Amino acid sequence: MLTKNETVSLSKSLFTILKVENCFIKTEFHQRHEKQLLRNMHQFNNLNRILEIGENHLESYLQWNNQNIPNMPITKYDHFIELITLLCNHGLATYELLKRFFLETLDLELLNSKTNSKIIKTSTWGTLTMAISKLTNVNEQISNELFDIDFRNTLAHDSWYLDEGSMRYVAPKNKKEIAIPYARLHEKIQLIFVFYHVMTDQYFRLYFPEMTQEYENGLGKVMDIIFPLYIASPRQDDVQKSSQP
């Protein structure tokens, strides 16, 4: 699994490649989808609350539930299933935001001509990212780990399962079983959002430089507030680096 820094680096590399290939076009994407992005971040904040219950207050939570709602008892396994299901649903929703971003901000006609593809506004994540992967300089790490079609499709098809403390699924291509430890699944899901955040941040800086400060004071700051215990936003990292002697 990629680290946060690797995700940021690969995301910036991908944006640069698409920019050099002149694949981006100026759109009003940010105006149409800003509220959806904010909702997506607040949903993740709600998941953090459930995660906090599971890590530090699970016994009290189970006891309260089973005493006050005896006709609907809950076990530790039930709690983990609920949390992981919510994480997976959130991950899929973030992939959909990413797909919508690419389909609305890329010159699909130009992308098709460069990659001999047939991408349309309703193309799937797999079809879209396979076309992008054909561009010069898009390496296997971007294709396999940043796009991670198998993981996205696992979330979409709800084909994962739990075993030995891990969320597991079978990769369609090589039939290999992939295991993500429960403790790292939360990080895995958030990295999808880090990918999305880097791409939109770079896009705003390219086409709407006058909005950059507004973006940082709005979406960027909200992200930093919501994710303080996990992975800092790309912009926060830049600030930390610039302040180092």
C-alpha atoms as a PDB file:
ATOM      1  CA  MET A   1       0.000   0.000   0.000  1.00  0.00           C
ATOM      2  CA  LEU A   2       1.207   3.486  -0.840  1.00  0.00           C
ATOM      3  CA  THR A   3       2.235   5.862   1.903  1.00  0.00           C
ATOM      4  CA  LYS A   4       0.720   9.322   2.165  1.00  0.00           C
ATOM      5  CA  ASN A   5       3.868  10.963   0.751  1.00  0.00           C
ATOM      6  CA  GLU A   6       3.984   8.501  -2.153  1.00  0.00           C
ATOM      7  CA  THR A   7       0.336   9.218  -2.905  1.00  0.00           C
ATOM      8  CA  VAL A   8       0.949  12.962  -2.949  1.00  0.00           C
ATOM      9  CA  SER A   9       4.045  12.579  -5.140  1.00  0.00           C
ATOM     10  CA  LEU A  10       2.358  10.265  -7.656  1.00  0.00           C
ATOM     11  CA  SER A  11      -0.740  12.469  -7.783  1.00  0.00           C
ATOM     12  CA  LYS A  12       1.359  15.542  -8.574  1.00  0.00           C
ATOM     13  CA  SER A  13       3.295  13.580 -11.203  1.00  0.00           C
ATOM     14  CA  LEU A  14       0.054  12.487 -12.844  1.00  0.00           C
ATOM     15  CA  PHE A  15      -1.271  16.031 -12.882  1.00  0.00           C
ATOM     16  CA  THR A  16       1.953  17.271 -14.485  1.00  0.00           C
ATOM     17  CA  ILE A  17       1.759  14.576 -17.163  1.00  0.00           C
ATOM     18  CA  LEU A  18      -1.836  15.477 -18.018  1.00  0.00           C
ATOM     19  CA  LYS A  19      -0.931  19.162 -18.042  1.00  0.00           C
ATOM     20  CA  VAL A  20       2.060  18.650 -20.360  1.00  0.00           C
ATOM     21  CA  GLU A  21      -0.139  16.581 -22.678  1.00  0.00           C
ATOM     22  CA  ASN A  22      -2.609  19.514 -22.742  1.00  0.00           C
ATOM     23  CA  CYS A  23      -5.373  17.198 -21.598  1.00  0.00           C
ATOM     24  CA  PHE A  24      -6.996  19.575 -19.109  1.00  0.00           C
ATOM     25  CA  ILE A  25      -9.662  22.098 -20.031  1.00  0.00           C
ATOM     26  CA  LYS A  26     -11.084  24.952 -17.961  1.00  0.00           C
ATOM     27  CA  THR A  27     -14.475  24.050 -16.502  1.00  0.00           C
ATOM     28  CA  GLU A  28     -16.770  25.063 -13.651  1.00  0.00           C
ATOM     29  CA  PHE A  29     -16.230  21.732 -11.903  1.00  0.00           C
ATOM     30  CA  HIS A  30     -15.415  23.338  -8.559  1.00  0.00           C
ATOM     31  CA  GLN A  31     -18.660  25.300  -8.486  1.00  0.00           C
ATOM     32  CA  ARG A  32     -20.806  22.272  -9.255  1.00  0.00           C
ATOM     33  CA  HIS A  33     -19.180  19.848  -6.848  1.00  0.00           C
ATOM     34  CA  GLU A  34     -17.799  21.870  -3.934  1.00  0.00           C
ATOM     35  CA  LYS A  35     -20.737  20.997  -1.662  1.00  0.00           C
ATOM     36  CA  GLN A  36     -20.409  17.315  -2.519  1.00  0.00           C
ATOM     37  CA  LEU A  37     -16.738  17.417  -1.595  1.00  0.00           C
ATOM     38  CA  LEU A  38     -17.518  19.084   1.727  1.00  0.00           C
ATOM     39  CA  ARG A  39     -20.179  16.481   2.438  1.00  0.00           C
ATOM     40  CA  ASN A  40     -17.687  13.736   1.590  1.00  0.00           C
ATOM     41  CA  MET A  41     -15.212  15.114   4.143  1.00  0.00           C
ATOM     42  CA  HIS A  42     -17.853  15.415   6.834  1.00  0.00           C
ATOM     43  CA  GLN A  43     -18.878  11.823   6.191  1.00  0.00           C
ATOM     44  CA  PHE A  44     -15.312  10.786   6.871  1.00  0.00           C
ATOM     45  CA  ASN A  45     -15.407  12.778  10.091  1.00  0.00           C
ATOM     46  CA  ASN A  46     -18.424  10.728  11.153  1.00  0.00           C
ATOM     47  CA  LEU A  47     -16.416   7.578  10.437  1.00  0.00           C
ATOM     48  CA  ASN A  48     -13.625   8.905  12.652  1.00  0.00           C
ATOM     49  CA  ARG A  49     -16.157   9.090  15.467  1.00  0.00           C
ATOM     50  CA  ILE A  50     -17.153   5.458  14.982  1.00  0.00           C
ATOM     51  CA  LEU A  51     -13.480   4.496  14.792  1.00  0.00           C
ATOM     52  CA  GLU A  52     -12.841   6.286  18.090  1.00  0.00           C
ATOM     53  CA  ILE A  53     -15.674   4.310  19.693  1.00  0.00           C
ATOM     54  CA  GLY A  54     -14.202   1.047  18.435  1.00  0.00           C
ATOM     55  CA  GLU A  55     -10.682   1.810  19.609  1.00  0.00           C
ATOM     56  CA  ASN A  56     -11.350   3.346  23.023  1.00  0.00           C
ATOM     57  CA  HIS A  57     -14.974   2.914  24.092  1.00  0.00           C
ATOM     58  CA  LEU A  58     -16.175  -0.321  22.509  1.00  0.00           C
ATOM     59  CA  GLU A  59     -17.045  -2.216  25.698  1.00  0.00           C
ATOM     60  CA  SER A  60     -19.088   0.707  27.038  1.00  0.00           C
ATOM     61  CA  TYR A  61     -20.792   1.126  23.680  1.00  0.00           C
ATOM     62  CA  LEU A  62     -21.720  -2.556  23.462  1.00  0.00           C
ATOM     63  CA  GLN A  63     -22.969  -2.581  27.041  1.00  0.00           C
ATOM     64  CA  TRP A  64     -25.115   0.524  26.513  1.00  0.00           C
ATOM     65  CA  ASN A  65     -26.568  -0.829  23.282  1.00  0.00           C
ATOM     66  CA  ASN A  66     -27.380  -4.271  24.646  1.00  0.00           C
ATOM     67  CA  GLN A  67     -28.970  -2.849  27.790  1.00  0.00           C
ATOM     68  CA  ASN A  68     -31.057  -0.202  26.052  1.00  0.00           C
ATOM     69  CA  ILE A  69     -31.860  -2.004  22.811  1.00  0.00           C
ATOM     70  CA  PRO A  70     -32.010  -5.662  23.937  1.00  0.00           C
ATOM     71  CA  ASN A  71     -34.025  -6.735  20.897  1.00  0.00           C
ATOM     72  CA  MET A  72     -31.120  -5.622  18.655  1.00  0.00           C
ATOM     73  CA  PRO A  73     -27.963  -6.869  20.413  1.00  0.00           C
ATOM     74  CA  ILE A  74     -24.566  -6.038  18.943  1.00  0.00           C
ATOM     75  CA  THR A  75     -21.207  -7.807  19.204  1.00  0.00           C
ATOM     76  CA  LYS A  76     -17.654  -6.687  18.495  1.00  0.00           C
ATOM     77  CA  TYR A  77     -17.866  -8.443  15.144  1.00  0.00           C
ATOM     78  CA  ASP A  78     -21.063  -6.548  14.304  1.00  0.00           C
ATOM     79  CA  HIS A  79     -19.323  -3.265  15.092  1.00  0.00           C
ATOM     80  CA  PHE A  80     -16.324  -4.073  12.887  1.00  0.00           C
ATOM     81  CA  ILE A  81     -18.567  -5.146  10.015  1.00  0.00           C
ATOM     82  CA  GLU A  82     -20.508  -1.896  10.299  1.00  0.00           C
ATOM     83  CA  LEU A  83     -17.382   0.261  10.394  1.00  0.00           C
ATOM     84  CA  ILE A  84     -15.615  -1.503   7.539  1.00  0.00           C
ATOM     85  CA  THR A  85     -18.766  -1.408   5.418  1.00  0.00           C
ATOM     86  CA  LEU A  86     -19.073   2.335   5.993  1.00  0.00           C
ATOM     87  CA  LEU A  87     -15.381   2.841   5.176  1.00  0.00           C
ATOM     88  CA  CYS A  88     -15.732   0.869   1.948  1.00  0.00           C
ATOM     89  CA  ASN A  89     -18.853   2.783   0.937  1.00  0.00           C
ATOM     90  CA  HIS A  90     -17.044   6.047   1.608  1.00  0.00           C
ATOM     91  CA  GLY A  91     -14.045   4.910  -0.423  1.00  0.00           C
ATOM     92  CA  LEU A  92     -16.271   4.088  -3.373  1.00  0.00           C
ATOM     93  CA  ALA A  93     -17.985   7.482  -3.127  1.00  0.00           C
ATOM     94  CA  THR A  94     -14.587   9.203  -3.230  1.00  0.00           C
ATOM     95  CA  TYR A  95     -13.565   7.159  -6.280  1.00  0.00           C
ATOM     96  CA  GLU A  96     -16.752   8.386  -7.942  1.00  0.00           C
ATOM     97  CA  LEU A  97     -15.804  11.996  -7.179  1.00  0.00           C
ATOM     98  CA  LEU A  98     -12.396  11.337  -8.734  1.00  0.00           C
ATOM     99  CA  LYS A  99     -13.943   9.794 -11.829  1.00  0.00           C
ATOM    100  CA  ARG A 100     -16.302  12.743 -12.205  1.00  0.00           C
ATOM    101  CA  PHE A 101     -13.391  15.159 -11.821  1.00  0.00           C
ATOM    102  CA  PHE A 102     -11.425  13.521 -14.629  1.00  0.00           C
ATOM    103  CA  LEU A 103     -14.397  13.097 -16.967  1.00  0.00           C
ATOM    104  CA  GLU A 104     -15.392  16.748 -16.577  1.00  0.00           C
ATOM    105  CA  THR A 105     -11.969  18.413 -16.615  1.00  0.00           C
ATOM    106  CA  LEU A 106     -10.157  16.387 -19.284  1.00  0.00           C
ATOM    107  CA  ASP A 107     -10.410  16.993 -23.014  1.00  0.00           C
ATOM    108  CA  LEU A 108     -11.819  13.552 -23.768  1.00  0.00           C
ATOM    109  CA  GLU A 109     -11.541  13.971 -27.529  1.00  0.00           C
ATOM    110  CA  LEU A 110      -7.840  14.769 -27.225  1.00  0.00           C
ATOM    111  CA  LEU A 111      -7.285  11.965 -24.713  1.00  0.00           C
ATOM    112  CA  ASN A 112      -8.963   9.507 -27.069  1.00  0.00           C
ATOM    113  CA  SER A 113      -6.820  10.610 -30.005  1.00  0.00           C
ATOM    114  CA  LYS A 114      -3.617  10.294 -27.973  1.00  0.00           C
ATOM    115  CA  THR A 115      -4.445   6.866 -26.543  1.00  0.00           C
ATOM    116  CA  ASN A 116      -6.659   5.322 -29.249  1.00  0.00           C
ATOM    117  CA  SER A 117      -9.477   5.056 -26.715  1.00  0.00           C
ATOM    118  CA  LYS A 118     -13.211   5.717 -26.682  1.00  0.00           C
ATOM    119  CA  ILE A 119     -13.767   7.535 -23.407  1.00  0.00           C
ATOM    120  CA  ILE A 120     -17.155   9.219 -22.997  1.00  0.00           C
ATOM    121  CA  LYS A 121     -18.761  11.172 -20.152  1.00  0.00           C
ATOM    122  CA  THR A 122     -20.235   7.973 -18.697  1.00  0.00           C
ATOM    123  CA  SER A 123     -17.138   5.755 -18.925  1.00  0.00           C
ATOM    124  CA  THR A 124     -16.216   3.539 -15.989  1.00  0.00           C
ATOM    125  CA  TRP A 125     -13.254   4.122 -13.676  1.00  0.00           C
ATOM    126  CA  GLY A 126     -11.442   1.166 -15.212  1.00  0.00           C
ATOM    127  CA  THR A 127     -11.947   2.274 -18.808  1.00  0.00           C
ATOM    128  CA  LEU A 128     -10.976   5.854 -18.005  1.00  0.00           C
ATOM    129  CA  THR A 129      -7.816   5.045 -16.069  1.00  0.00           C
ATOM    130  CA  MET A 130      -6.673   2.453 -18.604  1.00  0.00           C
ATOM    131  CA  ALA A 131      -6.815   5.184 -21.246  1.00  0.00           C
ATOM    132  CA  ILE A 132      -4.861   7.623 -19.063  1.00  0.00           C
ATOM    133  CA  SER A 133      -2.310   4.869 -18.407  1.00  0.00           C
ATOM    134  CA  LYS A 134      -1.499   4.784 -22.129  1.00  0.00           C
ATOM    135  CA  LEU A 135      -0.092   8.313 -22.007  1.00  0.00           C
ATOM    136  CA  THR A 136       3.669   8.664 -22.162  1.00  0.00           C
ATOM    137  CA  ASN A 137       5.338   8.770 -18.738  1.00  0.00           C
ATOM    138  CA  VAL A 138       2.379   7.292 -16.833  1.00  0.00           C
ATOM    139  CA  ASN A 139       4.255   4.507 -15.054  1.00  0.00           C
ATOM    140  CA  GLU A 140       3.058   1.224 -13.583  1.00  0.00           C
ATOM    141  CA  GLN A 141       3.005   2.574 -10.045  1.00  0.00           C
ATOM    142  CA  ILE A 142       0.468   5.204 -11.066  1.00  0.00           C
ATOM    143  CA  SER A 143      -1.563   2.655 -13.027  1.00  0.00           C
ATOM    144  CA  ASN A 144      -1.497  -0.146 -10.472  1.00  0.00           C
ATOM    145  CA  GLU A 145      -1.341   1.588  -7.105  1.00  0.00           C
ATOM    146  CA  LEU A 146      -2.740   5.081  -7.538  1.00  0.00           C
ATOM    147  CA  PHE A 147      -5.629   4.092  -9.809  1.00  0.00           C
ATOM    148  CA  ASP A 148      -5.942   0.662  -8.097  1.00  0.00           C
ATOM    149  CA  ILE A 149      -8.757  -0.590 -10.335  1.00  0.00           C
ATOM    150  CA  ASP A 150      -9.025  -3.909  -8.493  1.00  0.00           C
ATOM    151  CA  PHE A 151      -9.626  -2.254  -5.128  1.00  0.00           C
ATOM    152  CA  ARG A 152     -12.130   0.195  -6.584  1.00  0.00           C
ATOM    153  CA  ASN A 153     -14.041  -2.629  -8.269  1.00  0.00           C
ATOM    154  CA  THR A 154     -13.996  -4.633  -5.045  1.00  0.00           C
ATOM    155  CA  LEU A 155     -15.725  -1.724  -3.325  1.00  0.00           C
ATOM    156  CA  ALA A 156     -18.183  -1.313  -6.195  1.00  0.00           C
ATOM    157  CA  HIS A 157     -19.062  -5.022  -6.332  1.00  0.00           C
ATOM    158  CA  ASP A 158     -19.071  -5.426  -2.533  1.00  0.00           C
ATOM    159  CA  SER A 159     -16.889  -8.519  -2.953  1.00  0.00           C
ATOM    160  CA  TRP A 160     -14.646  -8.159   0.102  1.00  0.00           C
ATOM    161  CA  TYR A 161     -14.720 -10.279   3.245  1.00  0.00           C
ATOM    162  CA  LEU A 162     -13.159 -10.394   6.706  1.00  0.00           C
ATOM    163  CA  ASP A 163     -10.645 -12.974   7.826  1.00  0.00           C
ATOM    164  CA  GLU A 164      -7.900 -12.983  10.461  1.00  0.00           C
ATOM    165  CA  GLY A 165      -8.209  -9.296  11.268  1.00  0.00           C
ATOM    166  CA  SER A 166      -8.013  -8.146   7.656  1.00  0.00           C
ATOM    167  CA  MET A 167     -10.311  -6.953   4.917  1.00  0.00           C
ATOM    168  CA  ARG A 168      -9.630  -9.328   2.017  1.00  0.00           C
ATOM    169  CA  TYR A 169     -10.513  -9.596  -1.647  1.00  0.00           C
ATOM    170  CA  VAL A 170      -9.362 -11.510  -4.709  1.00  0.00           C
ATOM    171  CA  ALA A 171      -7.810  -9.448  -7.504  1.00  0.00           C
ATOM    172  CA  PRO A 172      -9.658 -10.293 -10.752  1.00  0.00           C
ATOM    173  CA  LYS A 173      -6.553 -10.174 -12.956  1.00  0.00           C
ATOM    174  CA  ASN A 174      -4.200 -12.588 -11.210  1.00  0.00           C
ATOM    175  CA  LYS A 175      -6.680 -14.169  -8.768  1.00  0.00           C
ATOM    176  CA  LYS A 176      -4.333 -13.246  -5.935  1.00  0.00           C
ATOM    177  CA  GLU A 177      -5.859 -12.686  -2.518  1.00  0.00           C
ATOM    178  CA  ILE A 178      -5.144  -9.191  -1.193  1.00  0.00           C
ATOM    179  CA  ALA A 179      -5.265  -8.549   2.555  1.00  0.00           C
ATOM    180  CA  ILE A 180      -5.484  -5.095   4.120  1.00  0.00           C
ATOM    181  CA  PRO A 181      -5.139  -5.239   7.918  1.00  0.00           C
ATOM    182  CA  TYR A 182      -8.134  -3.753   9.666  1.00  0.00           C
ATOM    183  CA  ALA A 183      -5.904  -1.191  11.371  1.00  0.00           C
ATOM    184  CA  ARG A 184      -4.692   0.120   7.972  1.00  0.00           C
ATOM    185  CA  LEU A 185      -7.983   0.099   6.075  1.00  0.00           C
ATOM    186  CA  HIS A 186      -8.910   3.535   7.403  1.00  0.00           C
ATOM    187  CA  GLU A 187      -5.610   4.885   6.034  1.00  0.00           C
ATOM    188  CA  LYS A 188      -6.153   3.149   2.698  1.00  0.00           C
ATOM    189  CA  ILE A 189      -9.554   4.780   2.294  1.00  0.00           C
ATOM    190  CA  GLN A 190      -8.250   8.208   3.206  1.00  0.00           C
ATOM    191  CA  LEU A 191      -5.459   7.972   0.628  1.00  0.00           C
ATOM    192  CA  ILE A 192      -8.158   7.953  -2.049  1.00  0.00           C
ATOM    193  CA  PHE A 193      -9.227  11.350  -0.766  1.00  0.00           C
ATOM    194  CA  VAL A 194      -5.611  12.570  -0.634  1.00  0.00           C
ATOM    195  CA  PHE A 195      -5.363  11.673  -4.342  1.00  0.00           C
ATOM    196  CA  TYR A 196      -8.543  13.642  -5.022  1.00  0.00           C
ATOM    197  CA  HIS A 197      -7.425  16.604  -2.920  1.00  0.00           C
ATOM    198  CA  VAL A 198      -4.069  16.907  -4.712  1.00  0.00           C
ATOM    199  CA  MET A 199      -5.663  16.749  -8.167  1.00  0.00           C
ATOM    200  CA  THR A 200      -8.305  19.384  -7.423  1.00  0.00           C
ATOM    201  CA  ASP A 201      -5.804  21.619  -5.628  1.00  0.00           C
ATOM    202  CA  GLN A 202      -3.441  21.555  -8.614  1.00  0.00           C
ATOM    203  CA  TYR A 203      -6.322  22.126 -11.011  1.00  0.00           C
ATOM    204  CA  PHE A 204      -7.489  25.219  -9.108  1.00  0.00           C
ATOM    205  CA  ARG A 205      -3.946  26.581  -9.092  1.00  0.00           C
ATOM    206  CA  LEU A 206      -3.718  26.127 -12.851  1.00  0.00           C
ATOM    207  CA  TYR A 207      -7.069  27.583 -13.923  1.00  0.00           C
ATOM    208  CA  PHE A 208      -8.326  29.576 -10.942  1.00  0.00           C
ATOM    209  CA  PRO A 209      -5.268  31.036  -9.162  1.00  0.00           C
ATOM    210  CA  GLU A 210      -7.461  33.770  -7.694  1.00  0.00           C
ATOM    211  CA  MET A 211      -9.388  31.041  -5.858  1.00  0.00           C
ATOM    212  CA  THR A 212      -6.352  29.343  -4.350  1.00  0.00           C
ATOM    213  CA  GLN A 213      -6.522  31.188  -1.034  1.00  0.00           C
ATOM    214  CA  GLU A 214     -10.266  30.667  -0.839  1.00  0.00           C
ATOM    215  CA  TYR A 215      -9.732  26.979  -1.464  1.00  0.00           C
ATOM    216  CA  GLU A 216      -7.096  26.725   1.243  1.00  0.00           C
ATOM    217  CA  ASN A 217      -9.233  28.661   3.714  1.00  0.00           C
ATOM    218  CA  GLY A 218     -12.232  26.506   2.864  1.00  0.00           C
ATOM    219  CA  LEU A 219     -11.769  22.968   1.633  1.00  0.00           C
ATOM    220  CA  GLY A 220      -8.106  22.668   2.579  1.00  0.00           C
ATOM    221  CA  LYS A 221      -8.658  23.885   6.133  1.00  0.00           C
ATOM    222  CA  VAL A 222     -11.708  21.671   6.591  1.00  0.00           C
ATOM    223  CA  MET A 223      -9.630  18.695   5.550  1.00  0.00           C
ATOM    224  CA  ASP A 224      -6.900  19.551   8.052  1.00  0.00           C
ATOM    225  CA  ILE A 225      -9.468  19.863  10.829  1.00  0.00           C
ATOM    226  CA  ILE A 226     -11.209  16.621   9.971  1.00  0.00           C
ATOM    227  CA  PHE A 227      -8.089  14.485   9.613  1.00  0.00           C
ATOM    228  CA  PRO A 228      -5.785  15.682  12.416  1.00  0.00           C
ATOM    229  CA  LEU A 229      -4.962  12.229  13.777  1.00  0.00           C
ATOM    230  CA  TYR A 230      -4.288  10.459  10.515  1.00  0.00           C
ATOM    231  CA  ILE A 231      -2.747  11.942   7.372  1.00  0.00           C
ATOM    232  CA  ALA A 232      -2.146  15.671   7.024  1.00  0.00           C
ATOM    233  CA  SER A 233      -3.281  17.306   3.822  1.00  0.00           C
ATOM    234  CA  PRO A 234      -0.714  17.921   1.037  1.00  0.00           C
ATOM    235  CA  ARG A 235      -0.815  21.678   1.666  1.00  0.00           C
ATOM    236  CA  GLN A 236      -0.095  21.236   5.353  1.00  0.00           C
ATOM    237  CA  ASP A 237       2.975  19.192   4.445  1.00  0.00           C
ATOM    238  CA  ASP A 238       4.215  21.963   2.180  1.00  0.00           C
ATOM    239  CA  VAL A 239       3.833  24.476   4.994  1.00  0.00           C
ATOM    240  CA  GLN A 240       5.750  22.231   7.380  1.00  0.00           C
ATOM    241  CA  LYS A 241       8.585  21.732   4.892  1.00  0.00           C
ATOM    242  CA  SER A 242       8.857  25.431   4.098  1.00  0.00           C
ATOM    243  CA  SER A 243       9.148  26.263   7.792  1.00  0.00           C
ATOM    244  CA  GLN A 244      12.076  23.904   8.319  1.00  0.00           C
ATOM    245  CA  PRO A 245      15.563  25.491   8.447  1.00  0.00           C
END
